């Protein structure tokens, strides 16, 4: 893999993470409301697995604290 291809792949990965963060923020905001501090916390999450799990749980979560706890685990 060339350096250019590696850079492109890294860019795509960052874009995917950013998309997941923005979607999670939007869904939490619509369902529960969200503070700027919570928004900043979500934007700092770098673990794709945690973001995926939180996105999976949004439908069933009774509070945003459940979702934020998923992101804090580990």
C-alpha atoms as a PDB file:
ATOM      1  CA  UNK A   1       0.000   0.000   0.000  1.00  0.00           C
ATOM      2  CA  UNK A   2       1.406   3.373  -0.967  1.00  0.00           C
ATOM      3  CA  UNK A   3       1.680   6.328   1.379  1.00  0.00           C
ATOM      4  CA  UNK A   4      -1.089   8.098  -0.514  1.00  0.00           C
ATOM      5  CA  UNK A   5      -3.376   5.090  -0.128  1.00  0.00           C
ATOM      6  CA  UNK A   6      -2.632   4.915   3.607  1.00  0.00           C
ATOM      7  CA  UNK A   7      -3.423   8.609   3.985  1.00  0.00           C
ATOM      8  CA  UNK A   8      -6.673   8.186   2.075  1.00  0.00           C
ATOM      9  CA  UNK A   9      -7.652   5.239   4.271  1.00  0.00           C
ATOM     10  CA  UNK A  10      -6.887   7.221   7.435  1.00  0.00           C
ATOM     11  CA  UNK A  11      -8.980  10.099   6.118  1.00  0.00           C
ATOM     12  CA  UNK A  12     -11.910   7.783   5.433  1.00  0.00           C
ATOM     13  CA  UNK A  13     -11.622   6.291   8.934  1.00  0.00           C
ATOM     14  CA  UNK A  14     -11.662   9.755  10.517  1.00  0.00           C
ATOM     15  CA  UNK A  15     -14.641  10.701   8.384  1.00  0.00           C
ATOM     16  CA  UNK A  16     -16.533   7.583   9.443  1.00  0.00           C
ATOM     17  CA  UNK A  17     -15.846   8.280  13.118  1.00  0.00           C
ATOM     18  CA  UNK A  18     -16.947  11.879  12.712  1.00  0.00           C
ATOM     19  CA  UNK A  19     -20.164  10.768  11.002  1.00  0.00           C
ATOM     20  CA  UNK A  20     -20.942   8.327  13.827  1.00  0.00           C
ATOM     21  CA  UNK A  21     -20.323  11.016  16.446  1.00  0.00           C
ATOM     22  CA  UNK A  22     -22.534  13.532  14.656  1.00  0.00           C
ATOM     23  CA  UNK A  23     -25.352  11.002  14.219  1.00  0.00           C
ATOM     24  CA  UNK A  24     -25.170   9.958  17.875  1.00  0.00           C
ATOM     25  CA  UNK A  25     -25.239  13.592  18.995  1.00  0.00           C
ATOM     26  CA  UNK A  26     -28.235  14.283  16.763  1.00  0.00           C
ATOM     27  CA  UNK A  27     -30.173  11.261  18.041  1.00  0.00           C
ATOM     28  CA  UNK A  28     -29.418  11.945  21.705  1.00  0.00           C
ATOM     29  CA  UNK A  29     -30.333  15.591  21.200  1.00  0.00           C
ATOM     30  CA  UNK A  30     -33.685  14.706  19.659  1.00  0.00           C
ATOM     31  CA  UNK A  31     -34.540  12.014  22.209  1.00  0.00           C
ATOM     32  CA  UNK A  32     -33.197  13.499  25.454  1.00  0.00           C
ATOM     33  CA  UNK A  33     -31.552  16.849  24.816  1.00  0.00           C
ATOM     34  CA  UNK A  34     -27.794  17.313  25.109  1.00  0.00           C
ATOM     35  CA  UNK A  35     -25.475  19.783  26.806  1.00  0.00           C
ATOM     36  CA  UNK A  36     -22.401  21.309  25.227  1.00  0.00           C
ATOM     37  CA  UNK A  37     -20.247  19.355  27.689  1.00  0.00           C
ATOM     38  CA  UNK A  38     -21.881  16.073  26.593  1.00  0.00           C
ATOM     39  CA  UNK A  39     -21.479  17.050  22.950  1.00  0.00           C
ATOM     40  CA  UNK A  40     -17.769  17.730  23.489  1.00  0.00           C
ATOM     41  CA  UNK A  41     -17.362  14.431  25.337  1.00  0.00           C
ATOM     42  CA  UNK A  42     -18.901  12.494  22.438  1.00  0.00           C
ATOM     43  CA  UNK A  43     -16.733  14.338  19.914  1.00  0.00           C
ATOM     44  CA  UNK A  44     -13.640  13.234  21.892  1.00  0.00           C
ATOM     45  CA  UNK A  45     -14.529   9.512  21.707  1.00  0.00           C
ATOM     46  CA  UNK A  46     -12.171   7.684  19.358  1.00  0.00           C
ATOM     47  CA  UNK A  47     -13.414   4.119  19.843  1.00  0.00           C
ATOM     48  CA  UNK A  48     -15.572   3.047  16.907  1.00  0.00           C
ATOM     49  CA  UNK A  49     -16.902   0.026  18.808  1.00  0.00           C
ATOM     50  CA  UNK A  50     -18.213   2.178  21.653  1.00  0.00           C
ATOM     51  CA  UNK A  51     -19.873   4.556  19.201  1.00  0.00           C
ATOM     52  CA  UNK A  52     -21.494   1.620  17.392  1.00  0.00           C
ATOM     53  CA  UNK A  53     -22.775   0.167  20.662  1.00  0.00           C
ATOM     54  CA  UNK A  54     -24.222   3.519  21.760  1.00  0.00           C
ATOM     55  CA  UNK A  55     -25.905   3.922  18.372  1.00  0.00           C
ATOM     56  CA  UNK A  56     -27.376   0.424  18.690  1.00  0.00           C
ATOM     57  CA  UNK A  57     -28.725   1.201  22.161  1.00  0.00           C
ATOM     58  CA  UNK A  58     -30.311   4.595  21.378  1.00  0.00           C
ATOM     59  CA  UNK A  59     -33.683   3.023  20.554  1.00  0.00           C
ATOM     60  CA  UNK A  60     -33.951   1.252  23.893  1.00  0.00           C
ATOM     61  CA  UNK A  61     -32.159   3.660  26.229  1.00  0.00           C
ATOM     62  CA  UNK A  62     -34.325   5.118  28.975  1.00  0.00           C
ATOM     63  CA  UNK A  63     -31.876   7.983  29.517  1.00  0.00           C
ATOM     64  CA  UNK A  64     -28.848   9.527  27.867  1.00  0.00           C
ATOM     65  CA  UNK A  65     -26.816   8.500  30.916  1.00  0.00           C
ATOM     66  CA  UNK A  66     -26.979   4.892  29.689  1.00  0.00           C
ATOM     67  CA  UNK A  67     -25.475   5.937  26.362  1.00  0.00           C
ATOM     68  CA  UNK A  68     -22.820   8.150  27.903  1.00  0.00           C
ATOM     69  CA  UNK A  69     -21.847   5.300  30.241  1.00  0.00           C
ATOM     70  CA  UNK A  70     -21.260   3.053  27.226  1.00  0.00           C
ATOM     71  CA  UNK A  71     -18.870   5.632  25.826  1.00  0.00           C
ATOM     72  CA  UNK A  72     -17.038   5.963  29.161  1.00  0.00           C
ATOM     73  CA  UNK A  73     -16.525   2.224  29.701  1.00  0.00           C
ATOM     74  CA  UNK A  74     -13.148   0.687  29.294  1.00  0.00           C
END
